[in-house]
């Protein structure tokens, strides 16, 4: 579910970029899409680390 939300957020940001900066060159469009992709990959990794930490902590609480 989080992957779908992240993908939709990425798509919305790319669409906003394209409509917000219609005179941007194709290179700038690709560059922004790549930067957003890397950013969302980092966010996914941080989210997965957070899930691993919370699940490992819950084992020790019992």
PDB file of N, CA and C in Angstrom:
ATOM      1  N   UNK A   1       0.825  -1.192   0.000  1.00  0.00           N
ATOM      2  CA  UNK A   1       0.000   0.000   0.000  1.00  0.00           C
ATOM      3  C   UNK A   1       0.874   1.262   0.000  1.00  0.00           C
ATOM      4  N   UNK A   2       1.944   1.249   0.818  1.00  0.00           N
ATOM      5  CA  UNK A   2       2.825   2.412   0.871  1.00  0.00           C
ATOM      6  C   UNK A   2       3.529   2.631  -0.462  1.00  0.00           C
ATOM      7  N   UNK A   3       3.823   1.533  -1.172  1.00  0.00           N
ATOM      8  CA  UNK A   3       4.472   1.672  -2.475  1.00  0.00           C
ATOM      9  C   UNK A   3       3.557   2.387  -3.458  1.00  0.00           C
ATOM     10  N   UNK A   4       2.274   2.084  -3.421  1.00  0.00           N
ATOM     11  CA  UNK A   4       1.319   2.743  -4.306  1.00  0.00           C
ATOM     12  C   UNK A   4       1.206   4.224  -3.962  1.00  0.00           C
ATOM     13  N   UNK A   5       1.172   4.532  -2.672  1.00  0.00           N
ATOM     14  CA  UNK A   5       1.089   5.937  -2.242  1.00  0.00           C
ATOM     15  C   UNK A   5       2.341   6.686  -2.673  1.00  0.00           C
ATOM     16  N   UNK A   6       3.508   6.073  -2.492  1.00  0.00           N
ATOM     17  CA  UNK A   6       4.761   6.707  -2.914  1.00  0.00           C
ATOM     18  C   UNK A   6       4.777   6.925  -4.424  1.00  0.00           C
ATOM     19  N   UNK A   7       4.311   5.938  -5.185  1.00  0.00           N
ATOM     20  CA  UNK A   7       4.305   6.062  -6.639  1.00  0.00           C
ATOM     21  C   UNK A   7       3.353   7.173  -7.081  1.00  0.00           C
ATOM     22  N   UNK A   8       2.188   7.250  -6.460  1.00  0.00           N
ATOM     23  CA  UNK A   8       1.213   8.296  -6.800  1.00  0.00           C
ATOM     24  C   UNK A   8       1.783   9.668  -6.449  1.00  0.00           C
ATOM     25  N   UNK A   9       2.452   9.778  -5.296  1.00  0.00           N
ATOM     26  CA  UNK A   9       3.066  11.042  -4.900  1.00  0.00           C
ATOM     27  C   UNK A   9       4.147  11.441  -5.898  1.00  0.00           C
ATOM     28  N   UNK A  10       4.972  10.478  -6.328  1.00  0.00           N
ATOM     29  CA  UNK A  10       6.011  10.756  -7.317  1.00  0.00           C
ATOM     30  C   UNK A  10       5.379  11.224  -8.616  1.00  0.00           C
ATOM     31  N   UNK A  11       4.344  10.540  -9.051  1.00  0.00           N
ATOM     32  CA  UNK A  11       3.677  10.906 -10.298  1.00  0.00           C
ATOM     33  C   UNK A  11       3.079  12.313 -10.219  1.00  0.00           C
ATOM     34  N   UNK A  12       2.441  12.627  -9.112  1.00  0.00           N
ATOM     35  CA  UNK A  12       1.865  13.964  -8.941  1.00  0.00           C
ATOM     36  C   UNK A  12       2.946  15.050  -8.970  1.00  0.00           C
ATOM     37  N   UNK A  13       4.085  14.782  -8.339  1.00  0.00           N
ATOM     38  CA  UNK A  13       5.176  15.755  -8.356  1.00  0.00           C
ATOM     39  C   UNK A  13       5.738  15.941  -9.765  1.00  0.00           C
ATOM     40  N   UNK A  14       5.845  14.867 -10.525  1.00  0.00           N
ATOM     41  CA  UNK A  14       6.324  14.979 -11.907  1.00  0.00           C
ATOM     42  C   UNK A  14       5.324  15.774 -12.743  1.00  0.00           C
ATOM     43  N   UNK A  15       4.034  15.509 -12.560  1.00  0.00           N
ATOM     44  CA  UNK A  15       3.005  16.250 -13.299  1.00  0.00           C
ATOM     45  C   UNK A  15       3.030  17.721 -12.912  1.00  0.00           C
ATOM     46  N   UNK A  16       3.149  18.006 -11.609  1.00  0.00           N
ATOM     47  CA  UNK A  16       3.233  19.398 -11.165  1.00  0.00           C
ATOM     48  C   UNK A  16       4.454  20.099 -11.768  1.00  0.00           C
ATOM     49  N   UNK A  17       5.562  19.396 -11.822  1.00  0.00           N
ATOM     50  CA  UNK A  17       6.762  19.964 -12.436  1.00  0.00           C
ATOM     51  C   UNK A  17       6.495  20.309 -13.899  1.00  0.00           C
ATOM     52  N   UNK A  18       5.891  19.372 -14.630  1.00  0.00           N
ATOM     53  CA  UNK A  18       5.666  19.592 -16.060  1.00  0.00           C
ATOM     54  C   UNK A  18       4.704  20.741 -16.321  1.00  0.00           C
ATOM     55  N   UNK A  19       3.682  20.883 -15.493  1.00  0.00           N
ATOM     56  CA  UNK A  19       2.748  21.988 -15.673  1.00  0.00           C
ATOM     57  C   UNK A  19       3.272  23.290 -15.062  1.00  0.00           C
ATOM     58  N   UNK A  20       4.049  23.192 -14.028  1.00  0.00           N
ATOM     59  CA  UNK A  20       4.585  24.378 -13.381  1.00  0.00           C
ATOM     60  C   UNK A  20       5.711  25.027 -14.164  1.00  0.00           C
ATOM     61  N   UNK A  21       6.463  24.210 -14.894  1.00  0.00           N
ATOM     62  CA  UNK A  21       7.582  24.702 -15.691  1.00  0.00           C
ATOM     63  C   UNK A  21       7.457  24.183 -17.128  1.00  0.00           C
ATOM     64  N   UNK A  22       6.475  24.708 -17.862  1.00  0.00           N
ATOM     65  CA  UNK A  22       6.236  24.183 -19.219  1.00  0.00           C
ATOM     66  C   UNK A  22       7.377  24.485 -20.191  1.00  0.00           C
ATOM     67  N   UNK A  23       8.207  25.476 -19.897  1.00  0.00           N
ATOM     68  CA  UNK A  23       9.309  25.820 -20.796  1.00  0.00           C
ATOM     69  C   UNK A  23      10.598  25.088 -20.458  1.00  0.00           C
ATOM     70  N   UNK A  24      10.533  24.147 -19.527  1.00  0.00           N
ATOM     71  CA  UNK A  24      11.734  23.393 -19.163  1.00  0.00           C
ATOM     72  C   UNK A  24      12.163  22.521 -20.342  1.00  0.00           C
ATOM     73  N   UNK A  25      13.459  22.369 -20.468  1.00  0.00           N
ATOM     74  CA  UNK A  25      13.990  21.537 -21.554  1.00  0.00           C
ATOM     75  C   UNK A  25      13.742  20.062 -21.233  1.00  0.00           C
ATOM     76  N   UNK A  26      13.793  19.210 -22.256  1.00  0.00           N
ATOM     77  CA  UNK A  26      13.648  17.766 -22.001  1.00  0.00           C
ATOM     78  C   UNK A  26      14.697  17.250 -21.014  1.00  0.00           C
ATOM     79  N   UNK A  27      15.906  17.801 -21.072  1.00  0.00           N
ATOM     80  CA  UNK A  27      16.951  17.395 -20.129  1.00  0.00           C
ATOM     81  C   UNK A  27      16.532  17.704 -18.696  1.00  0.00           C
ATOM     82  N   UNK A  28      15.970  18.890 -18.468  1.00  0.00           N
ATOM     83  CA  UNK A  28      15.519  19.261 -17.134  1.00  0.00           C
ATOM     84  C   UNK A  28      14.374  18.361 -16.675  1.00  0.00           C
ATOM     85  N   UNK A  29      13.475  18.008 -17.590  1.00  0.00           N
ATOM     86  CA  UNK A  29      12.382  17.101 -17.239  1.00  0.00           C
ATOM     87  C   UNK A  29      12.907  15.748 -16.768  1.00  0.00           C
ATOM     88  N   UNK A  30      13.851  15.220 -17.515  1.00  0.00           N
ATOM     89  CA  UNK A  30      14.434  13.922 -17.156  1.00  0.00           C
ATOM     90  C   UNK A  30      15.206  14.034 -15.852  1.00  0.00           C
ATOM     91  N   UNK A  31      15.960  15.110 -15.690  1.00  0.00           N
ATOM     92  CA  UNK A  31      16.747  15.305 -14.478  1.00  0.00           C
ATOM     93  C   UNK A  31      15.863  15.353 -13.236  1.00  0.00           C
ATOM     94  N   UNK A  32      14.774  16.096 -13.313  1.00  0.00           N
ATOM     95  CA  UNK A  32      13.863  16.194 -12.164  1.00  0.00           C
ATOM     96  C   UNK A  32      13.208  14.843 -11.889  1.00  0.00           C
ATOM     97  N   UNK A  33      12.812  14.127 -12.925  1.00  0.00           N
ATOM     98  CA  UNK A  33      12.208  12.800 -12.728  1.00  0.00           C
ATOM     99  C   UNK A  33      13.195  11.847 -12.052  1.00  0.00           C
ATOM    100  N   UNK A  34      14.456  11.889 -12.457  1.00  0.00           N
ATOM    101  CA  UNK A  34      15.473  11.022 -11.852  1.00  0.00           C
ATOM    102  C   UNK A  34      15.720  11.415 -10.398  1.00  0.00           C
ATOM    103  N   UNK A  35      15.815  12.705 -10.130  1.00  0.00           N
ATOM    104  CA  UNK A  35      16.030  13.168  -8.751  1.00  0.00           C
ATOM    105  C   UNK A  35      14.865  12.746  -7.865  1.00  0.00           C
ATOM    106  N   UNK A  36      13.640  12.904  -8.365  1.00  0.00           N
ATOM    107  CA  UNK A  36      12.474  12.479  -7.577  1.00  0.00           C
ATOM    108  C   UNK A  36      12.482  10.965  -7.361  1.00  0.00           C
ATOM    109  N   UNK A  37      12.886  10.214  -8.373  1.00  0.00           N
ATOM    110  CA  UNK A  37      12.945   8.756  -8.230  1.00  0.00           C
ATOM    111  C   UNK A  37      13.934   8.354  -7.143  1.00  0.00           C
ATOM    112  N   UNK A  38      15.122   8.955  -7.176  1.00  0.00           N
ATOM    113  CA  UNK A  38      16.138   8.641  -6.167  1.00  0.00           C
ATOM    114  C   UNK A  38      15.635   9.029  -4.778  1.00  0.00           C
ATOM    115  N   UNK A  39      14.998  10.192  -4.687  1.00  0.00           N
ATOM    116  CA  UNK A  39      14.450  10.643  -3.412  1.00  0.00           C
ATOM    117  C   UNK A  39      13.430   9.644  -2.864  1.00  0.00           C
ATOM    118  N   UNK A  40      12.552   9.148  -3.726  1.00  0.00           N
ATOM    119  CA  UNK A  40      11.546   8.207  -3.260  1.00  0.00           C
ATOM    120  C   UNK A  40      12.131   6.824  -2.962  1.00  0.00           C
ATOM    121  N   UNK A  41      13.213   6.452  -3.616  1.00  0.00           N
ATOM    122  CA  UNK A  41      13.903   5.206  -3.264  1.00  0.00           C
ATOM    123  C   UNK A  41      14.485   5.327  -1.856  1.00  0.00           C
ATOM    124  N   UNK A  42      15.084   6.482  -1.562  1.00  0.00           N
ATOM    125  CA  UNK A  42      15.632   6.717  -0.214  1.00  0.00           C
ATOM    126  C   UNK A  42      14.510   6.689   0.818  1.00  0.00           C
ATOM    127  N   UNK A  43      13.374   7.306   0.502  1.00  0.00           N
ATOM    128  CA  UNK A  43      12.230   7.303   1.424  1.00  0.00           C
ATOM    129  C   UNK A  43      11.756   5.878   1.676  1.00  0.00           C
ATOM    130  N   UNK A  44      11.694   5.052   0.623  1.00  0.00           N
ATOM    131  CA  UNK A  44      11.269   3.659   0.797  1.00  0.00           C
ATOM    132  C   UNK A  44      12.238   2.897   1.689  1.00  0.00           C
ATOM    133  N   UNK A  45      13.526   3.121   1.503  1.00  0.00           N
ATOM    134  CA  UNK A  45      14.512   2.435   2.343  1.00  0.00           C
ATOM    135  C   UNK A  45      14.388   2.868   3.802  1.00  0.00           C
ATOM    136  N   UNK A  46      14.168   4.155   4.032  1.00  0.00           N
ATOM    137  CA  UNK A  46      13.983   4.632   5.399  1.00  0.00           C
ATOM    138  C   UNK A  46      12.710   4.060   6.017  1.00  0.00           C
ATOM    139  N   UNK A  47      11.655   3.957   5.218  1.00  0.00           N
ATOM    140  CA  UNK A  47      10.410   3.377   5.724  1.00  0.00           C
ATOM    141  C   UNK A  47      10.598   1.908   6.063  1.00  0.00           C
ATOM    142  N   UNK A  48      11.328   1.180   5.230  1.00  0.00           N
ATOM    143  CA  UNK A  48      11.535  -0.243   5.510  1.00  0.00           C
ATOM    144  C   UNK A  48      12.415  -0.429   6.743  1.00  0.00           C
ATOM    145  N   UNK A  49      13.389   0.456   6.950  1.00  0.00           N
ATOM    146  CA  UNK A  49      14.207   0.376   8.167  1.00  0.00           C
ATOM    147  C   UNK A  49      13.355   0.640   9.401  1.00  0.00           C
ATOM    148  N   UNK A  50      12.454   1.600   9.286  1.00  0.00           N
ATOM    149  CA  UNK A  50      11.564   1.911  10.400  1.00  0.00           C
ATOM    150  C   UNK A  50      10.672   0.740  10.737  1.00  0.00           C
ATOM    151  N   UNK A  51      10.199   0.038   9.717  1.00  0.00           N
ATOM    152  CA  UNK A  51       9.361  -1.134   9.963  1.00  0.00           C
ATOM    153  C   UNK A  51      10.171  -2.254  10.606  1.00  0.00           C
ATOM    154  N   UNK A  52      11.416  -2.421  10.178  1.00  0.00           N
ATOM    155  CA  UNK A  52      12.258  -3.462  10.765  1.00  0.00           C
ATOM    156  C   UNK A  52      12.548  -3.162  12.227  1.00  0.00           C
ATOM    157  N   UNK A  53      12.802  -1.904  12.544  1.00  0.00           N
ATOM    158  CA  UNK A  53      13.102  -1.544  13.926  1.00  0.00           C
ATOM    159  C   UNK A  53      11.894  -1.730  14.820  1.00  0.00           C
ATOM    160  N   UNK A  54      10.710  -1.345  14.349  1.00  0.00           N
ATOM    161  CA  UNK A  54       9.517  -1.481  15.187  1.00  0.00           C
ATOM    162  C   UNK A  54       9.143  -2.940  15.361  1.00  0.00           C
ATOM    163  N   UNK A  55       9.334  -3.753  14.326  1.00  0.00           N
ATOM    164  CA  UNK A  55       8.986  -5.161  14.476  1.00  0.00           C
ATOM    165  C   UNK A  55       9.980  -5.872  15.388  1.00  0.00           C
ATOM    166  N   UNK A  56      11.262  -5.494  15.336  1.00  0.00           N
ATOM    167  CA  UNK A  56      12.240  -6.135  16.210  1.00  0.00           C
ATOM    168  C   UNK A  56      12.054  -5.683  17.658  1.00  0.00           C
ATOM    169  N   UNK A  57      11.639  -4.450  17.854  1.00  0.00           N
ATOM    170  CA  UNK A  57      11.391  -3.959  19.203  1.00  0.00           C
ATOM    171  C   UNK A  57      10.189  -4.660  19.833  1.00  0.00           C
ATOM    172  N   UNK A  58       9.182  -4.929  19.018  1.00  0.00           N
ATOM    173  CA  UNK A  58       7.976  -5.549  19.573  1.00  0.00           C
ATOM    174  C   UNK A  58       8.272  -6.975  20.054  1.00  0.00           C
ATOM    175  N   UNK A  59       9.273  -7.633  19.477  1.00  0.00           N
ATOM    176  CA  UNK A  59       9.625  -8.966  19.919  1.00  0.00           C
ATOM    177  C   UNK A  59      10.210  -8.936  21.335  1.00  0.00           C
ATOM    178  N   UNK A  60      10.922  -7.891  21.659  1.00  0.00           N
ATOM    179  CA  UNK A  60      11.566  -7.805  22.957  1.00  0.00           C
ATOM    180  C   UNK A  60      10.609  -7.346  24.059  1.00  0.00           C
ATOM    181  N   UNK A  61       9.490  -6.756  23.682  1.00  0.00           N
ATOM    182  CA  UNK A  61       8.553  -6.275  24.684  1.00  0.00           C
ATOM    183  C   UNK A  61       7.805  -7.428  25.364  1.00  0.00           C
ATOM    184  N   UNK A  62       7.692  -8.549  24.687  1.00  0.00           N
ATOM    185  CA  UNK A  62       6.940  -9.688  25.260  1.00  0.00           C
ATOM    186  C   UNK A  62       7.689 -10.381  26.303  1.00  0.00           C
TER     187      UNK A  62
END
